[in-house]
Amino acid sequence: RDAFVTGQALARVYINLNKFFFSMFRKYEYENCKQKIHLMAHSMGNQVLKQMLGELNESYILPFVGEAILAHADINFTSFEKTEPMYKLQKLAQRIHIYVHKGDDALSISTTTKNFSKRLGKVGPSNDQDLESSTIIVDVTGIKYLKAPTDSILDYKMNVIVDHWGYMYSEQMILDIRKVLEGVDEGRIESRVRHDKKLNY
């Protein structure tokens, strides 16, 4: 319920932001600052994003988000099918990275407590052949973790147990995300190996 209400509020924020940009850059003809707005959603944050996109008419969606990062997404693995709201994210963002961890036990628990569908952040999209070339699936299964921090040892141990917060505790994943935000071509990011059969994987 929280994700549903928050997604509706985020949709209103998006519409107002759209109006603001239209006013600034078209009506008053201010020069574009060339900075980019990026978007990152972790776990249930993807439920909020999905709800937001479901609230938006496609005619409202403009590609002013640079990079969209979906980390350990706790949504249905069919969420990027053409009839689903998340499919619209490919129109909103210039590039999308979906981080998948096959050993994410938090998402396994989610499958049995929220609904009985596979989770996007654990198995990837159901229709990876139909995705646009700018939507990249990054498998981070088996990533190494940083040394335990002294201030949040419990959080760190929980991550090592369930593999759900790699964007905070894995140097490999942190560096990968930084390269994405810097706009490095997906094929040139170090430590990545392209799948021999799947185009976006």
Protein backbone atom coordinates (compact mmCIF):
# COMPACT_ATOMS: atom_id res chain seq x y z
CA ARG A 1 0.00 0.00 0.00
CA ASP A 2 2.86 2.38 0.82
CA ALA A 3 4.45 1.78 -2.59
CA PHE A 4 1.09 2.41 -4.28
CA VAL A 5 0.52 5.78 -2.55
CA THR A 6 4.16 6.86 -2.89
CA GLY A 7 4.12 5.98 -6.60
CA GLN A 8 1.07 8.18 -7.12
CA ALA A 9 2.82 11.08 -5.36
CA LEU A 10 5.97 10.54 -7.42
CA ALA A 11 3.89 10.64 -10.60
CA ARG A 12 2.58 14.09 -9.58
CA VAL A 13 6.18 15.22 -8.89
CA TYR A 14 7.18 13.99 -12.34
CA ILE A 15 4.34 15.87 -14.05
CA ASN A 16 5.27 19.10 -12.22
CA LEU A 17 8.93 18.59 -13.13
CA ASN A 18 7.89 18.12 -16.75
CA LYS A 19 5.97 21.42 -16.65
CA PHE A 20 8.96 23.14 -15.03
CA PHE A 21 11.35 21.99 -17.75
CA PHE A 22 8.88 22.98 -20.46
CA SER A 23 8.58 26.44 -18.92
CA MET A 24 12.32 26.94 -18.39
CA PHE A 25 13.66 25.65 -21.69
CA ARG A 26 10.85 26.27 -24.17
CA LYS A 27 8.72 29.13 -22.91
CA TYR A 28 11.56 31.26 -21.52
CA GLU A 29 14.26 29.74 -23.75
CA TYR A 30 16.90 29.40 -21.02
CA GLU A 31 20.01 27.54 -22.10
CA ASN A 32 20.22 23.89 -21.06
CA CYS A 33 22.82 23.43 -18.30
CA LYS A 34 23.95 20.08 -19.82
CA GLN A 35 23.69 18.35 -16.44
CA LYS A 36 21.86 15.03 -16.21
CA ILE A 37 19.22 13.68 -13.86
CA HIS A 38 19.77 10.03 -12.94
CA LEU A 39 17.36 7.64 -11.26
CA MET A 40 18.14 4.69 -8.99
CA ALA A 41 15.66 2.32 -7.36
CA HIS A 42 16.60 -0.47 -4.96
CA SER A 43 14.39 -3.40 -3.94
CA MET A 44 10.86 -2.17 -3.10
CA GLY A 45 11.73 1.23 -4.57
CA ASN A 46 11.07 -0.47 -7.90
CA GLN A 47 7.46 -1.02 -6.77
CA VAL A 48 7.19 2.75 -6.28
CA LEU A 49 8.72 3.40 -9.71
CA LYS A 50 6.40 0.87 -11.35
CA GLN A 51 3.37 2.52 -9.74
CA MET A 52 4.58 5.97 -10.84
CA LEU A 53 4.92 4.83 -14.45
CA GLY A 54 1.50 3.18 -14.27
CA GLU A 55 -0.01 6.55 -13.31
CA LEU A 56 1.55 8.38 -16.26
CA ASN A 57 0.03 8.77 -19.68
CA GLU A 58 2.69 7.84 -22.21
CA SER A 59 2.34 11.24 -23.89
CA TYR A 60 3.70 12.83 -20.67
CA ILE A 61 6.88 10.81 -20.74
CA LEU A 62 9.95 12.57 -22.10
CA PRO A 63 13.50 11.13 -22.09
CA PHE A 64 15.05 13.59 -19.65
CA VAL A 65 16.45 10.95 -17.26
CA GLY A 66 20.01 10.01 -18.13
CA GLU A 67 20.76 6.71 -16.41
CA ALA A 68 18.19 4.51 -14.66
CA ILE A 69 19.62 1.91 -12.29
CA LEU A 70 17.43 -0.89 -10.92
CA ALA A 71 19.25 -2.73 -8.13
CA HIS A 72 17.88 -5.99 -6.68
CA ALA A 73 14.43 -5.06 -8.01
CA ASP A 74 11.59 -6.50 -5.92
CA ILE A 75 9.02 -6.57 -8.72
CA ASN A 76 7.59 -9.26 -10.98
CA PHE A 77 10.02 -10.56 -13.62
CA THR A 78 7.37 -9.85 -16.28
CA SER A 79 7.50 -6.11 -15.45
CA PHE A 80 9.26 -5.17 -18.72
CA GLU A 81 6.72 -6.80 -21.00
CA LYS A 82 5.06 -4.35 -23.39
CA THR A 83 1.75 -4.25 -21.50
CA GLU A 84 3.44 -3.50 -18.15
CA PRO A 85 4.16 0.00 -16.70
CA MET A 86 7.94 -0.56 -16.38
CA TYR A 87 8.17 -0.88 -20.16
CA LYS A 88 7.61 2.91 -20.27
CA LEU A 89 10.90 3.40 -18.39
CA GLN A 90 12.67 2.74 -21.70
CA LYS A 91 11.07 5.94 -23.00
CA LEU A 92 11.86 7.96 -19.85
CA ALA A 93 15.57 7.01 -19.49
CA GLN A 94 18.33 7.22 -22.05
CA ARG A 95 19.84 4.01 -20.66
CA ILE A 96 18.72 1.40 -18.09
CA HIS A 97 20.87 -1.02 -16.09
CA ILE A 98 19.06 -3.88 -14.34
CA TYR A 99 21.34 -5.47 -11.72
CA VAL A 100 20.48 -9.13 -11.15
CA HIS A 101 21.77 -11.34 -8.32
CA LYS A 102 20.72 -14.99 -8.57
CA GLY A 103 21.68 -15.58 -4.92
CA ASP A 104 19.54 -12.74 -3.50
CA ASP A 105 17.74 -14.53 -0.66
CA ALA A 106 15.75 -11.43 0.30
CA LEU A 107 14.01 -11.68 -3.09
CA SER A 108 13.46 -15.41 -2.57
CA ILE A 109 11.67 -14.55 0.68
CA SER A 110 9.68 -11.86 -1.16
CA THR A 111 8.47 -14.46 -3.65
CA THR A 112 6.82 -16.42 -0.84
CA THR A 113 5.52 -13.49 1.24
CA LYS A 114 4.30 -10.89 -1.30
CA ASN A 115 3.28 -12.89 -4.35
CA PHE A 116 4.34 -16.11 -6.01
CA SER A 117 6.02 -14.71 -9.11
CA LYS A 118 9.73 -14.65 -9.89
CA ARG A 119 11.46 -11.38 -8.99
CA LEU A 120 13.15 -9.16 -11.59
CA GLY A 121 16.25 -8.62 -9.41
CA LYS A 122 16.83 -12.35 -9.05
CA VAL A 123 16.14 -13.81 -12.51
CA GLY A 124 16.09 -10.79 -14.84
CA PRO A 125 13.32 -9.81 -17.28
CA SER A 126 11.12 -12.48 -18.83
CA ASN A 127 11.36 -10.88 -22.29
CA ASP A 128 15.05 -9.97 -22.60
CA GLN A 129 14.89 -10.52 -26.40
CA ASP A 130 12.34 -7.70 -26.77
CA LEU A 131 14.20 -5.08 -24.72
CA GLU A 132 15.67 -2.02 -26.38
CA SER A 133 19.44 -2.06 -26.88
CA SER A 134 19.78 0.68 -24.24
CA THR A 135 18.40 -1.63 -21.53
CA ILE A 136 21.27 -3.66 -20.08
CA ILE A 137 21.07 -6.63 -17.70
CA VAL A 138 24.09 -6.92 -15.39
CA ASP A 139 24.51 -10.19 -13.47
CA VAL A 140 26.34 -9.47 -10.20
CA THR A 141 25.99 -12.98 -8.76
CA GLY A 142 29.12 -13.89 -6.83
CA ILE A 143 30.37 -10.33 -6.28
CA LYS A 144 32.92 -9.77 -3.52
CA TYR A 145 32.13 -7.58 -0.52
CA LEU A 146 34.12 -4.86 1.20
CA LYS A 147 35.56 -5.42 4.66
CA ALA A 148 33.00 -5.09 7.42
CA PRO A 149 32.47 -1.45 8.49
CA THR A 150 32.76 -0.79 12.21
CA ASP A 151 29.67 1.45 12.41
CA SER A 152 27.06 -0.82 10.76
CA ILE A 153 28.30 -4.36 11.33
CA LEU A 154 24.77 -5.81 11.67
CA ASP A 155 23.66 -4.36 8.30
CA TYR A 156 26.83 -5.68 6.70
CA LYS A 157 26.32 -9.20 8.09
CA MET A 158 22.71 -9.16 6.90
CA ASN A 159 23.90 -8.32 3.39
CA VAL A 160 26.49 -11.08 3.36
CA ILE A 161 23.76 -13.52 4.43
CA VAL A 162 21.06 -12.46 1.93
CA ASP A 163 23.09 -10.70 -0.85
CA HIS A 164 20.61 -7.82 -1.17
CA TRP A 165 22.65 -4.61 -0.72
CA GLY A 166 25.56 -5.01 -3.11
CA TYR A 167 25.36 -1.36 -4.20
CA MET A 168 26.44 -0.45 -0.65
CA TYR A 169 28.84 -3.24 0.29
CA SER A 170 30.46 -4.52 -2.91
CA GLU A 171 33.36 -2.54 -4.32
CA GLN A 172 32.81 -4.24 -7.71
CA MET A 173 29.18 -3.16 -7.91
CA ILE A 174 29.90 0.34 -6.57
CA LEU A 175 32.61 0.89 -9.22
CA ASP A 176 30.32 -0.49 -11.93
CA ILE A 177 27.52 1.90 -10.95
CA ARG A 178 29.95 4.82 -10.90
CA LYS A 179 31.03 4.03 -14.46
CA VAL A 180 27.38 3.89 -15.51
CA LEU A 181 26.72 7.32 -13.96
CA GLU A 182 29.82 8.69 -15.69
CA GLY A 183 28.26 7.63 -18.99
CA VAL A 184 30.89 5.03 -19.90
CA ASP A 185 29.76 2.77 -22.76
CA GLU A 186 28.31 -0.44 -21.33
CA GLY A 187 30.72 -2.55 -23.36
CA ARG A 188 33.77 -0.70 -22.03
CA ILE A 189 33.13 -1.02 -18.29
CA GLU A 190 35.93 -3.06 -16.70
CA SER A 191 35.21 -6.50 -15.23
CA ARG A 192 32.12 -6.97 -17.42
CA VAL A 193 31.91 -9.96 -19.74
CA ARG A 194 29.30 -9.90 -22.50
CA HIS A 195 27.02 -12.95 -22.70
CA ASP A 196 27.77 -15.00 -25.81
CA LYS A 197 24.09 -15.41 -26.78
CA LYS A 198 22.00 -12.75 -25.05
CA LEU A 199 22.47 -9.33 -26.66
CA ASN A 200 21.69 -7.12 -23.66
CA TYR A 201 23.23 -9.37 -20.99
